[in-house]
Amino acid sequence: MLIHTMFPASRYSIQAQRSIRALKTVKAEHAPPQLYTWRWKCSSAVTPRITSHYTICPRDKDPRWEGVEMERFADEADVVIVGGGPAGLSAAIRLKQLANEQEKELRVCLVEKASQIGAHTLSGACLEPSALNELFPDWKERGAPLNTPVTEDVFSLLTKKYRIPIPMLPGLPMNNHGNYIVRLGHFVRWLGEQAEELGVEIYPGYAAAEVLFHEDGSVKGIATNDVGIAKDGSPKDVFERGMELHAKVTLFGEGCHGHLAKQLYRQFNLRENCEPQTYAIGLKEVWLIDEKKWRPGRVEHSVGWPLNRNTYGGSFLYHLNEGEPLVALGFVVGLDYTNPYLSPFREFQRWKHHPFIAKTLEGGNRIAYGARALNEGGYQCLPKVTFPGGMLIGCSPGFMNVPKIKGTHTAMKSGMLAAEAIFPKVTAKDLASETAGLHVPEYEDNLKKSWIWKELYSVRNIRPSFHNYFGLYGGMVYTGVFYWILRGKEPWTLKHAGLDSAQLKPAKECTAIEYPKPDGKLSFDLLSSVALSGTNHEGDQPPHLTLKDDSVPVANNLAIYDGPEQRFCPAGVYEYVPLETGEGMRLQINAQNCVHCKTCDIKDPSQNINWVVPEGSGGPAYNGM
């Protein structure tokens, strides 16, 4: 079996290709138990078939799969890491730093679903360098792409036509003194280079599709996804099983709302003692603007218009200093909004027409677009992060500091803490464990003693304080009074509203929102925006946006909520179209448009959509987003 990395002439593929030669065959009966138990509802007389993915339509019940070879190859490592983002790469780097310092052999393998490290990474991003200073004190000498120190901090409350300046007082979470504006994809790519130099094996273009378990129930590792399956779910002539990667410990750093983490939450009841996670969607563009309007190092944030006071959200506009007049701008909407007619994408587009924003963009040229979901639950929503054979790191469990609008520094630190807890155990000569997969509870203990825990606890009440009659304004008063004065030491902890998917009101109780047409200068249509993300998937594969029941979208989402997936998806994946008979509607899934933001999986009011990984390398092709 050959590894095709989609990284030609890159050092990332060298060790990966060597290791494959040592693979051993594992029989199909060693595959993990099927975690999906939903009934196969792939078609009926009245419901057109939509879902053909094997997680919904089991292959052992499909005669087209009879006689197909289902053996998989397997490889062994000390530690396997899922996800090549800041958390996963920081964990890999720290593990190899410790191994090299103590002259111990340690094999660390990292799999990443994007074709290149950083190609699926999207963030604002304003980076707090605290964790980076710990990981690489000499990061400047190593050439880390932190080119834009923050020089100016501007915060605004927007009305439809005007701006009300809000003073950025020292000590408030959004004060960016000492931080850097970065293109996070470039920073992650640099981390990948550092990891490879230390000896980490990196496998870009390989999506972790399945958690593997030992007989005692502990995590054994992961399996990458099968390839060569046709859109109707049948095997192609080029069908090939995925590869198994086994490890003493597996770290899951998939990012926000990881699909494997969802399985682990259920398998090990990791969310038993925390609130349901709450999320937001962040949409971003990069513009090349008139040089006369360019102010490198300037950071702008706003709240208010175009959202109403009861819809949580805000904006950012960052002036980069990378040799040309670039700005990164974006809009964030909390996914606990209630009006099914709200479109985060179209709110973003009309925000750009505000006079305070438009003056920067007029005469400029939009060059990139993307979107992703963000964890917003903070301290109240942190799950248990250790279990036999594995750990959760980074944005997968949700270490984002929402008032700061920053999660990279906490994600990196969590990966470093995981590495430091793992290392002495996986390298011990007299390794003793009650389970086949190592359980390392010290990671969670160390988290609670770290600055991550202190930081998230101090801001725990800011996000839920917006759930009041006055909404935005009440939350701002709470932040100004209680956080600025007490620094999070108030003797109470507020609660969030609950699952984002449960917050939508029926369409009949809401007013439709009339959005202005895009002008093609400041605002744009959805499909031309998606084109700028470089998104691409193999067309002849089962849609990775799977439905537990194909009849639910029309019967429930369209009938009660007027099809909200058409509006909350930032990539035009979902649309309701007339049936061929001319009577009624059906849901059409344009899976090739998917930018892997996971918003549909989070916000679907029926919780009928289950996002799974497509074939490796599919998805957006972000360049420094």
Foldseek 3Di string as FASTA:
>chain_A
DAADLLPPPDLLCVVVRVQVVVWDKDAPVQFADLLQDFAQFQDDPPFHGAFQDCNQVPPVVPVLCPPPGAIAIEGEFAEEEEALALQRLLLLLLLLVVCVVVVHDGAYEYEHQASAQLQLDDALDKDQCPLVCVSDVVVVVLPQPQAFAADAEWEWADDQADTDTDDDDPPFLQDRHRIGGFLRSSNSNSSVVSSVVSPHNYRALWHFFAFGADPVGFTFFTWTQWDQAFQNGHHHPPTDHTHTYGHLAYEYAHAAPDQVLVSVCVSVVQQVQFFAWWKKKKKKWKKQWDPVLADGNYKYKYDHPPDHQAKDKIKIWHFHDDPGGMIMIMIMTTLLDAALQAFRQLRGLVVCVHPVNVVGQFPMGIQAIAMAMATDQFPRQQTQAWDFRYGYAFNHRHLADVSNSDGSSRRSVLSSLVSVQSNVQSRDPPRDDPDSRHTRSVSVVVCCVDVSVVSRQLCQALVQQLPDPSRNVSSVVCCVPCCVVVSNPPPDGDDHPHASQQNYAWNVVDDNDDGDDRPVRRGDDQQVNLVSQQAFDDPGHHQQFRFSHQVCCQVPCCVGNVRSVCRHQSFRQWDWDADPVRPGIGIHGNSSRHQPNCSCCRHNNVNGTRGGDGRRNGHTRDDSD
